[in-house]
Amino acid sequence: MSAPDVTTETDERSEADKKPKRHSLGSGYRKVFSASVVTNLGDGVGVVAYPWLASALTRNPMLIAVVGVAQRLPWLVFSLPAGVITDRIDRRRAMVAMDIIRGVITAVVALLVLGEQDVLPKPDALDAVTETRTALYVLVLLATLLLGMAEVLRDNSAQTIMPAIVDPRDLEKANGRMWSAEGVANTFIGPPLGALLVGIAFVLPFLVDAASFFAAAALIATIPGTFRATRPVGQEEPAHWRAELAEGVRWLWAHPLLRPMAIILGIMNAAAMATGASFVLFAQEVLDVNAFLFAVVSMGGAIGGIIGGVAASWASKRFGSGVCLGMTLGGSAVIGLAMAFTSWWPVAFLLFAATSLLSILWNVITVSLRQTIIPEHLLGRVNSVYRFFAWGMMPIGAALGGVIIVVVDSFASRETALRSTWIAYAIIHLVLFVVGARKLTTERIESARAAAVGPEPA
């Protein structure tokens, strides 16, 4: 936009010019925002559909946990190569391609379910191991693994494209708004819709999920411009991928703030997956809920997500980034202990809301910080290394959760075994709170941000 005409030596402005203007985050952001909401609506439907599909195939907690392992394993084995890819290709095109691939895979799952849906809603026959159930379980595992691979590259591209379409000082606001809307779609609208669709026909939620990926691909494809990483002068040609990957690893490991932040988040996510991978069994056998109430409990996360997304930027400025991260760790310990001893689904609903609020608060602060302080040409790689630590622990946590349940179930009741993962969750977060309070202080966070973009304007 051109500057206003100079009319006098004192540069007098009209009253309209003197009024503060609300500035838009831009059309590119709106399209990324819309695509994210659409895919999260589909994922919210899948929040009910996939666990219910797995529980319709087996009641074995270890096999249920293996589905969670397959979902998160790509973050452990593919995060690092995905970072190199992200820094070499057009990030917008990568997002479009991955959404199309996810849509195709989900459509294939829908066709498989359609062919066998007459046997799925019969839990009384779950003790019988049949070739049909075994084959479908294996195919679900394979599809979950492939979807996870596509998600790794897509999400890494989405996070690294954000600084190119949003001003660095607006990143907390942009991320907060998007995650708030994602929470509404993913946990407030999607799960009840998924429960309704499962009740009508097992195949319907998978069809909706597939359609959401294709719609998101179409939205991202309309963003104009090229979104390749700008390399430093003299490094126009990509180095060997191992050298590029090593550069990203060294940068993160040498950073005194992002390194402990990544490790702490990895342990947090492992604890979350230890409870989340078998939560469908906890909900059915401890909370005694059906598919609809399972969706309602998940909706608690949407309410917390909305509040967290709207308030995160304000809370970060009001209380300090470090204090907010400490609240996340300490609050999660309390929530885990409360969940371990409840049997009433409305309490679980409220605890899910609190968990989601704290998670969004953590994400808005830490992701915006990464997008601000990591050099643009390294953003894809460093971000992927960070997520390797942070998300790569998820399959390990999912497997650990299944092992904990199986071990405790061998000498205690089934209910005690299902509750035991939440006790482990609480203990882990209590330890992280003690460590994080010293490592992730407001002073260190704001110092790193100021070094990257300069001090906040008066």
Protein backbone atom coordinates (compact mmCIF):
# COMPACT_ATOMS: atom_id res chain seq x y z
CA MET A 1 0.00 0.00 0.00
CA SER A 2 1.40 3.40 -0.89
CA ALA A 3 1.99 6.01 1.80
CA PRO A 4 -0.54 8.88 2.13
CA ASP A 5 0.26 12.06 0.22
CA VAL A 6 2.29 14.66 2.12
CA THR A 7 0.26 17.87 2.25
CA THR A 8 2.12 20.00 4.81
CA GLU A 9 5.53 20.21 6.46
CA THR A 10 4.02 18.82 9.68
CA ASP A 11 2.56 15.85 7.77
CA GLU A 12 -0.94 16.49 9.01
CA ARG A 13 -3.26 13.55 8.60
CA SER A 14 -7.01 13.29 8.36
CA GLU A 15 -8.96 12.05 11.33
CA ALA A 16 -9.56 8.77 9.50
CA ASP A 17 -5.80 8.27 9.05
CA LYS A 18 -5.24 8.86 12.77
CA LYS A 19 -7.64 6.12 13.78
CA PRO A 20 -6.03 2.73 14.39
CA LYS A 21 -6.75 0.29 11.60
CA ARG A 22 -7.47 -3.37 12.10
CA HIS A 23 -5.17 -5.16 9.76
CA SER A 24 -6.14 -8.36 8.02
CA LEU A 25 -4.09 -11.52 8.27
CA GLY A 26 -4.45 -11.85 4.50
CA SER A 27 -6.27 -14.02 1.98
CA GLY A 28 -3.53 -16.65 2.06
CA TYR A 29 -4.05 -17.10 5.77
CA ARG A 30 -7.82 -17.28 5.31
CA LYS A 31 -7.43 -20.13 2.83
CA VAL A 32 -5.01 -22.04 5.07
CA PHE A 33 -7.41 -21.38 7.96
CA SER A 34 -10.41 -22.68 5.98
CA ALA A 35 -8.55 -25.75 4.74
CA SER A 36 -7.45 -26.56 8.27
CA VAL A 37 -11.00 -26.25 9.61
CA VAL A 38 -12.34 -28.51 6.84
CA THR A 39 -9.76 -31.25 7.42
CA ASN A 40 -10.23 -31.03 11.17
CA LEU A 41 -13.97 -31.48 10.74
CA GLY A 42 -13.20 -34.70 8.86
CA ASP A 43 -10.65 -35.70 11.49
CA GLY A 44 -13.24 -35.03 14.20
CA VAL A 45 -15.56 -37.47 12.49
CA GLY A 46 -12.64 -39.92 12.42
CA VAL A 47 -12.08 -39.43 16.18
CA VAL A 48 -15.20 -41.54 16.69
CA ALA A 49 -15.07 -43.67 13.53
CA TYR A 50 -11.54 -45.10 13.74
CA PRO A 51 -11.54 -46.11 17.45
CA TRP A 52 -15.03 -47.54 17.04
CA LEU A 53 -13.89 -49.47 13.99
CA ALA A 54 -10.88 -50.83 15.91
CA SER A 55 -13.03 -51.78 18.90
CA ALA A 56 -15.46 -53.52 16.51
CA LEU A 57 -12.57 -55.68 15.31
CA THR A 58 -10.91 -56.51 18.66
CA ARG A 59 -11.23 -55.91 22.40
CA ASN A 60 -7.56 -56.67 23.05
CA PRO A 61 -6.03 -53.51 24.62
CA MET A 62 -2.62 -54.28 23.12
CA LEU A 63 -4.07 -54.53 19.60
CA ILE A 64 -6.02 -51.30 20.15
CA ALA A 65 -2.77 -49.66 21.28
CA VAL A 66 -0.99 -50.93 18.15
CA VAL A 67 -3.40 -48.86 16.04
CA GLY A 68 -2.24 -45.80 17.97
CA VAL A 69 1.37 -46.85 17.43
CA ALA A 70 0.80 -47.11 13.68
CA GLN A 71 -0.83 -43.68 13.65
CA ARG A 72 2.13 -41.97 15.32
CA LEU A 73 5.04 -44.13 14.16
CA PRO A 74 5.59 -41.94 11.05
CA TRP A 75 6.51 -39.04 13.33
CA LEU A 76 9.38 -41.15 14.61
CA VAL A 77 10.64 -42.58 11.32
CA PHE A 78 9.68 -39.92 8.76
CA SER A 79 9.89 -36.55 10.56
CA LEU A 80 13.56 -35.94 9.76
CA PRO A 81 13.41 -36.75 6.01
CA ALA A 82 10.18 -34.73 5.81
CA GLY A 83 12.03 -31.66 7.07
CA VAL A 84 14.61 -31.92 4.29
CA ILE A 85 11.84 -32.35 1.73
CA THR A 86 9.96 -29.34 3.10
CA ASP A 87 13.01 -27.09 2.67
CA ARG A 88 13.56 -28.30 -0.92
CA ILE A 89 10.09 -28.14 -2.47
CA ASP A 90 7.19 -25.71 -2.75
CA ARG A 91 5.43 -26.02 0.60
CA ARG A 92 2.00 -25.15 -0.82
CA ARG A 93 2.22 -27.89 -3.44
CA ALA A 94 3.32 -30.37 -0.78
CA MET A 95 0.20 -29.58 1.27
CA VAL A 96 -2.05 -30.07 -1.77
CA ALA A 97 -0.42 -33.38 -2.75
CA MET A 98 -0.59 -34.80 0.78
CA ASP A 99 -4.25 -33.85 1.20
CA ILE A 100 -5.09 -35.59 -2.07
CA ILE A 101 -3.18 -38.70 -0.99
CA ARG A 102 -4.96 -38.72 2.37
CA GLY A 103 -8.29 -38.38 0.62
CA VAL A 104 -7.55 -41.35 -1.64
CA ILE A 105 -6.40 -43.56 1.25
CA THR A 106 -9.47 -42.70 3.33
CA ALA A 107 -11.73 -43.41 0.38
CA VAL A 108 -10.13 -46.86 0.06
CA VAL A 109 -10.78 -47.49 3.79
CA ALA A 110 -14.41 -46.46 3.18
CA LEU A 111 -14.71 -49.03 0.40
CA LEU A 112 -13.23 -51.75 2.63
CA VAL A 113 -15.62 -50.91 5.43
CA LEU A 114 -18.54 -50.83 3.00
CA GLY A 115 -17.72 -54.35 1.89
CA GLU A 116 -17.64 -55.70 5.46
CA GLN A 117 -19.92 -53.40 7.45
CA ASP A 118 -22.51 -56.12 7.96
CA VAL A 119 -20.18 -57.87 10.46
CA LEU A 120 -18.76 -54.80 12.21
CA PRO A 121 -21.51 -53.68 14.61
CA LYS A 122 -21.66 -57.09 16.34
CA PRO A 123 -19.52 -56.82 19.49
CA ASP A 124 -20.94 -60.08 20.84
CA ALA A 125 -18.85 -61.93 18.25
CA LEU A 126 -15.58 -60.15 19.00
CA ASP A 127 -14.10 -63.07 20.89
CA ALA A 128 -14.11 -65.09 17.67
CA VAL A 129 -10.99 -64.47 15.57
CA THR A 130 -12.04 -64.69 11.93
CA GLU A 131 -10.06 -64.26 8.74
CA THR A 132 -12.28 -61.34 7.75
CA ARG A 133 -11.67 -59.44 11.00
CA THR A 134 -7.95 -60.18 10.92
CA ALA A 135 -7.57 -59.02 7.31
CA LEU A 136 -9.56 -55.85 7.93
CA TYR A 137 -7.53 -55.10 11.08
CA VAL A 138 -4.27 -55.44 9.11
CA LEU A 139 -5.61 -53.19 6.33
CA VAL A 140 -6.68 -50.58 8.88
CA LEU A 141 -3.16 -50.66 10.35
CA LEU A 142 -1.61 -50.18 6.89
CA ALA A 143 -3.98 -47.31 6.02
CA THR A 144 -3.30 -45.67 9.38
CA LEU A 145 0.44 -45.87 8.78
CA LEU A 146 0.19 -44.34 5.29
CA LEU A 147 -2.13 -41.59 6.51
CA GLY A 148 0.40 -40.79 9.22
CA MET A 149 3.23 -40.52 6.66
CA ALA A 150 1.22 -38.05 4.59
CA GLU A 151 0.23 -36.12 7.72
CA VAL A 152 3.86 -35.65 8.76
CA LEU A 153 4.83 -33.93 5.50
CA ARG A 154 1.57 -32.00 5.25
CA ASP A 155 1.70 -30.63 8.80
CA ASN A 156 5.37 -29.72 8.59
CA SER A 157 4.68 -27.84 5.35
CA ALA A 158 1.69 -26.08 6.91
CA GLN A 159 3.68 -24.84 9.89
CA THR A 160 6.61 -23.67 7.76
CA ILE A 161 4.39 -21.83 5.26
CA MET A 162 2.75 -19.73 7.98
CA PRO A 163 5.59 -17.18 8.44
CA ALA A 164 5.47 -16.54 4.68
CA ILE A 165 1.81 -15.47 4.77
CA VAL A 166 1.55 -13.86 8.23
CA ASP A 167 3.62 -11.08 9.82
CA PRO A 168 5.90 -12.50 12.57
CA ARG A 169 4.26 -10.29 15.21
CA ASP A 170 0.84 -11.72 14.31
CA LEU A 171 1.80 -15.39 14.53
CA GLU A 172 0.39 -15.96 18.03
CA LYS A 173 -2.90 -14.35 17.01
CA ALA A 174 -3.04 -16.28 13.71
CA ASN A 175 -2.17 -19.61 15.32
CA GLY A 176 -4.55 -19.02 18.21
CA ARG A 177 -7.48 -18.28 15.92
CA MET A 178 -6.77 -21.26 13.72
CA TRP A 179 -6.37 -23.75 16.56
CA SER A 180 -9.50 -22.43 18.23
CA ALA A 181 -11.49 -23.03 15.04
CA GLU A 182 -9.77 -26.38 14.57
CA GLY A 183 -10.87 -27.34 18.07
CA VAL A 184 -14.49 -26.50 17.28
CA ALA A 185 -14.39 -28.59 14.09
CA ASN A 186 -12.28 -31.44 15.50
CA THR A 187 -13.90 -31.98 18.87
CA PHE A 188 -17.16 -30.03 18.99
CA ILE A 189 -18.82 -30.61 15.60
CA GLY A 190 -16.91 -33.57 14.16
CA PRO A 191 -17.32 -36.22 16.91
CA PRO A 192 -21.12 -35.87 17.34
CA LEU A 193 -21.45 -35.93 13.57
CA GLY A 194 -19.23 -39.01 13.49
CA ALA A 195 -21.36 -40.74 16.15
CA LEU A 196 -24.51 -39.91 14.19
CA LEU A 197 -23.00 -41.24 10.95
CA VAL A 198 -21.72 -44.42 12.61
CA GLY A 199 -25.26 -45.04 13.86
CA ILE A 200 -26.63 -44.68 10.33
CA ALA A 201 -23.96 -46.64 8.47
CA PHE A 202 -20.40 -47.55 9.45
CA VAL A 203 -19.05 -46.32 6.11
CA LEU A 204 -20.44 -42.77 6.20
CA PRO A 205 -17.86 -41.13 8.52
CA PHE A 206 -15.02 -42.41 6.33
CA LEU A 207 -16.65 -40.93 3.23
CA VAL A 208 -17.00 -37.56 4.98
CA ASP A 209 -13.36 -37.69 6.11
CA ALA A 210 -12.18 -38.42 2.56
CA ALA A 211 -14.26 -35.54 1.15
CA SER A 212 -12.72 -33.14 3.70
CA PHE A 213 -9.21 -33.88 2.45
CA PHE A 214 -10.16 -33.24 -1.19
CA ALA A 215 -11.87 -29.96 -0.24
CA ALA A 216 -8.80 -28.80 1.70
CA ALA A 217 -6.54 -29.61 -1.26
CA ALA A 218 -8.72 -27.46 -3.51
CA LEU A 219 -8.55 -24.51 -1.08
CA ILE A 220 -4.76 -24.60 -0.68
CA ALA A 221 -4.31 -24.94 -4.45
CA THR A 222 -5.89 -21.48 -4.93
CA ILE A 223 -3.22 -19.67 -2.88
CA PRO A 224 -1.08 -17.73 -5.37
CA GLY A 225 2.69 -17.58 -5.29
CA THR A 226 5.69 -19.80 -4.75
CA PHE A 227 6.61 -20.99 -1.28
CA ARG A 228 10.08 -22.45 -1.57
CA ALA A 229 12.65 -21.78 1.13
CA THR A 230 15.08 -18.97 0.28
CA ARG A 231 18.59 -20.29 0.66
CA PRO A 232 21.60 -18.22 1.80
CA VAL A 233 23.81 -16.70 -0.89
CA GLY A 234 26.26 -19.28 -2.21
CA GLN A 235 24.03 -22.21 -1.24
CA GLU A 236 21.51 -22.11 -4.07
CA GLU A 237 22.04 -25.76 -4.96
CA PRO A 238 20.80 -28.20 -2.32
CA ALA A 239 23.50 -30.06 -0.43
CA HIS A 240 23.31 -33.79 0.12
CA TRP A 241 20.18 -34.53 2.14
CA ARG A 242 22.19 -35.99 5.03
CA ALA A 243 24.25 -32.80 5.27
CA GLU A 244 21.08 -30.70 5.24
CA LEU A 245 19.50 -32.89 7.88
CA ALA A 246 22.60 -32.70 10.06
CA GLU A 247 22.51 -28.91 9.81
CA GLY A 248 18.96 -28.88 11.18
CA VAL A 249 19.83 -31.28 13.99
CA ARG A 250 22.88 -29.24 15.03
CA TRP A 251 20.91 -25.98 15.04
CA LEU A 252 18.19 -27.35 17.30
CA TRP A 253 20.51 -29.26 19.62
CA ALA A 254 22.66 -26.17 20.14
CA HIS A 255 19.68 -23.99 21.02
CA PRO A 256 19.40 -23.66 24.82
CA LEU A 257 15.63 -23.12 24.75
CA LEU A 258 14.21 -25.22 21.91
CA ARG A 259 16.19 -28.34 22.85
CA PRO A 260 14.66 -28.80 26.34
CA MET A 261 11.28 -27.64 25.00
CA ALA A 262 11.32 -30.42 22.37
CA ILE A 263 12.35 -33.09 24.88
CA ILE A 264 9.72 -32.03 27.42
CA LEU A 265 7.02 -32.00 24.75
CA GLY A 266 8.10 -35.46 23.59
CA ILE A 267 7.63 -36.89 27.07
CA MET A 268 4.29 -35.07 27.42
CA ASN A 269 3.07 -36.55 24.15
CA ALA A 270 4.24 -40.04 25.12
CA ALA A 271 2.22 -39.76 28.33
CA ALA A 272 -0.80 -38.50 26.40
CA MET A 273 -0.65 -41.42 23.96
CA ALA A 274 -0.27 -43.89 26.82
CA THR A 275 -3.76 -42.86 27.91
CA GLY A 276 -5.18 -41.93 24.51
CA ALA A 277 -4.40 -45.13 22.61
CA SER A 278 -6.69 -47.17 24.86
CA PHE A 279 -9.11 -44.40 25.85
CA VAL A 280 -11.91 -45.99 23.84
CA LEU A 281 -11.75 -48.97 26.23
CA PHE A 282 -11.54 -46.68 29.29
CA ALA A 283 -14.61 -44.80 28.02
CA GLN A 284 -16.63 -47.95 27.34
CA GLU A 285 -15.67 -50.01 30.40
CA VAL A 286 -14.97 -47.41 33.11
CA LEU A 287 -17.10 -44.42 32.09
CA ASP A 288 -19.76 -46.74 30.61
CA VAL A 289 -20.52 -44.61 27.54
CA ASN A 290 -21.94 -45.43 24.14
CA ALA A 291 -20.79 -43.96 20.82
CA PHE A 292 -22.81 -40.77 21.30
CA LEU A 293 -21.57 -40.10 24.84
CA PHE A 294 -18.05 -40.93 23.72
CA ALA A 295 -18.41 -38.08 21.23
CA VAL A 296 -19.89 -35.83 23.93
CA VAL A 297 -16.90 -36.44 26.21
CA SER A 298 -14.61 -35.52 23.33
CA MET A 299 -16.60 -32.30 22.85
CA GLY A 300 -15.25 -31.12 26.18
CA GLY A 301 -11.95 -30.71 24.40
CA ALA A 302 -13.59 -28.36 21.89
CA ILE A 303 -14.81 -26.03 24.61
CA GLY A 304 -11.37 -25.88 26.18
CA GLY A 305 -9.80 -25.46 22.74
CA ILE A 306 -12.04 -22.50 21.91
CA ILE A 307 -11.16 -20.76 25.16
CA GLY A 308 -7.48 -21.61 24.83
CA GLY A 309 -7.24 -20.46 21.21
CA VAL A 310 -8.91 -17.13 21.93
CA ALA A 311 -7.13 -16.44 25.21
CA ALA A 312 -3.65 -17.85 24.54
CA SER A 313 -2.09 -14.69 23.12
CA TRP A 314 -3.61 -12.59 25.92
CA ALA A 315 -2.53 -15.05 28.62
CA SER A 316 1.00 -15.16 27.24
CA LYS A 317 1.27 -11.37 27.49
CA ARG A 318 -0.59 -11.07 30.78
CA PHE A 319 1.13 -13.81 32.81
CA GLY A 320 4.27 -14.45 30.77
CA SER A 321 5.05 -17.28 28.37
CA GLY A 322 7.04 -19.25 30.91
CA VAL A 323 4.31 -19.09 33.54
CA CYS A 324 1.75 -20.34 31.00
CA LEU A 325 3.94 -23.29 30.04
CA GLY A 326 4.40 -24.13 33.72
CA MET A 327 0.62 -23.98 34.19
CA THR A 328 0.26 -26.51 31.38
CA LEU A 329 2.63 -28.99 33.01
CA GLY A 330 1.33 -28.61 36.56
CA GLY A 331 -2.32 -28.51 35.51
CA SER A 332 -1.91 -31.68 33.44
CA ALA A 333 -0.61 -33.54 36.51
CA VAL A 334 -3.75 -32.60 38.44
CA ILE A 335 -6.01 -33.53 35.52
CA GLY A 336 -4.40 -36.96 35.14
CA LEU A 337 -4.88 -37.76 38.82
CA ALA A 338 -8.52 -36.65 38.69
CA MET A 339 -9.21 -38.75 35.58
CA ALA A 340 -7.66 -41.81 37.22
CA PHE A 341 -10.29 -41.76 39.98
CA THR A 342 -13.45 -40.74 38.15
CA SER A 343 -16.17 -43.04 36.83
CA TRP A 344 -18.62 -40.33 35.78
CA TRP A 345 -18.49 -39.12 32.20
CA PRO A 346 -19.47 -35.47 32.97
CA VAL A 347 -16.29 -35.17 35.07
CA ALA A 348 -14.27 -36.60 32.20
CA PHE A 349 -15.96 -34.03 29.94
CA LEU A 350 -14.74 -31.16 32.15
CA LEU A 351 -11.26 -32.66 32.46
CA PHE A 352 -11.03 -32.97 28.68
CA ALA A 353 -11.95 -29.29 28.39
CA ALA A 354 -9.18 -28.33 30.81
CA THR A 355 -6.66 -30.57 29.03
CA SER A 356 -7.47 -29.04 25.65
CA LEU A 357 -7.23 -25.49 27.00
CA LEU A 358 -3.77 -26.16 28.41
CA SER A 359 -2.63 -27.95 25.25
CA ILE A 360 -3.70 -25.08 23.00
CA LEU A 361 -1.99 -22.61 25.34
CA TRP A 362 1.26 -24.60 25.06
CA ASN A 363 0.98 -24.95 21.27
CA VAL A 364 0.22 -21.30 20.52
CA ILE A 365 3.21 -20.13 22.55
CA THR A 366 5.75 -22.72 21.43
CA VAL A 367 4.83 -23.04 17.74
CA SER A 368 4.70 -19.26 17.30
CA LEU A 369 8.08 -19.03 18.99
CA ARG A 370 9.58 -21.61 16.62
CA GLN A 371 8.11 -19.89 13.57
CA THR A 372 9.67 -16.63 14.78
CA ILE A 373 13.19 -17.60 15.83
CA ILE A 374 14.18 -20.39 13.40
CA PRO A 375 15.88 -19.03 10.22
CA GLU A 376 13.59 -19.30 7.18
CA HIS A 377 15.93 -21.52 5.15
CA LEU A 378 16.20 -23.93 8.10
CA LEU A 379 12.58 -23.80 9.21
CA GLY A 380 11.46 -27.05 7.60
CA ARG A 381 14.40 -29.06 8.88
CA VAL A 382 14.60 -27.65 12.39
CA ASN A 383 10.84 -27.87 12.75
CA SER A 384 10.94 -31.53 11.69
CA VAL A 385 13.78 -32.32 14.12
CA TYR A 386 11.79 -30.65 16.88
CA ARG A 387 8.72 -32.69 15.97
CA PHE A 388 10.85 -35.83 15.76
CA PHE A 389 11.51 -35.47 19.47
CA ALA A 390 8.05 -34.10 20.27
CA TRP A 391 5.87 -36.41 18.15
CA GLY A 392 8.25 -39.32 17.66
CA MET A 393 7.66 -40.31 21.28
CA MET A 394 3.96 -40.86 20.59
CA PRO A 395 4.17 -44.42 19.22
CA ILE A 396 6.46 -45.32 22.12
CA GLY A 397 3.90 -43.88 24.53
CA ALA A 398 1.03 -45.73 22.84
CA ALA A 399 2.90 -49.03 23.10
CA LEU A 400 3.85 -48.28 26.72
CA GLY A 401 0.21 -47.61 27.57
CA GLY A 402 -0.80 -51.00 26.17
CA VAL A 403 1.99 -52.72 28.10
CA ILE A 404 1.00 -50.98 31.36
CA ILE A 405 -2.61 -52.16 30.99
CA VAL A 406 -1.61 -55.73 30.17
CA VAL A 407 0.86 -55.92 33.09
CA VAL A 408 -1.50 -54.39 35.68
CA ASP A 409 -4.36 -56.54 34.38
CA SER A 410 -2.28 -59.63 35.20
CA PHE A 411 -2.43 -58.97 38.97
CA ALA A 412 -5.30 -56.48 39.42
CA SER A 413 -8.79 -55.90 38.06
CA ARG A 414 -9.45 -54.83 34.48
CA GLU A 415 -10.78 -51.48 35.72
CA THR A 416 -7.65 -50.82 37.77
CA ALA A 417 -5.54 -51.63 34.72
CA LEU A 418 -7.41 -49.10 32.56
CA ARG A 419 -7.05 -46.43 35.27
CA SER A 420 -3.31 -47.09 35.78
CA THR A 421 -2.25 -45.21 32.62
CA TRP A 422 -3.77 -42.01 34.00
CA ILE A 423 -1.81 -42.36 37.23
CA ALA A 424 1.39 -42.73 35.17
CA TYR A 425 0.30 -39.65 33.17
CA ALA A 426 -0.04 -37.59 36.37
CA ILE A 427 3.35 -38.65 37.77
CA ILE A 428 5.14 -37.88 34.50
CA HIS A 429 3.67 -34.37 34.29
CA LEU A 430 4.52 -33.65 37.90
CA VAL A 431 8.18 -34.44 37.17
CA LEU A 432 8.07 -32.33 33.99
CA PHE A 433 6.63 -29.41 35.96
CA VAL A 434 9.60 -29.47 38.33
CA VAL A 435 12.08 -29.58 35.43
CA GLY A 436 10.24 -27.16 33.13
CA ALA A 437 9.87 -24.44 35.76
CA ARG A 438 13.65 -23.95 35.62
CA LYS A 439 14.20 -24.45 31.89
CA LEU A 440 11.27 -22.65 30.24
CA THR A 441 11.17 -19.25 31.87
CA THR A 442 9.51 -16.13 30.48
CA GLU A 443 12.82 -14.31 30.46
CA ARG A 444 14.49 -16.93 28.26
CA ILE A 445 11.53 -17.11 25.87
CA GLU A 446 11.20 -13.35 25.41
CA SER A 447 14.96 -12.98 25.05
CA ALA A 448 15.00 -15.52 22.21
CA ARG A 449 12.04 -13.84 20.50
CA ALA A 450 13.54 -10.34 20.79
CA ALA A 451 16.84 -11.56 19.33
CA ALA A 452 14.97 -12.77 16.25
CA VAL A 453 12.54 -9.90 15.51
CA GLY A 454 13.66 -7.07 17.79
CA PRO A 455 11.84 -5.63 20.81
CA GLU A 456 8.10 -5.00 20.78
CA PRO A 457 7.22 -1.51 19.49
CA ALA A 458 6.14 1.02 22.08
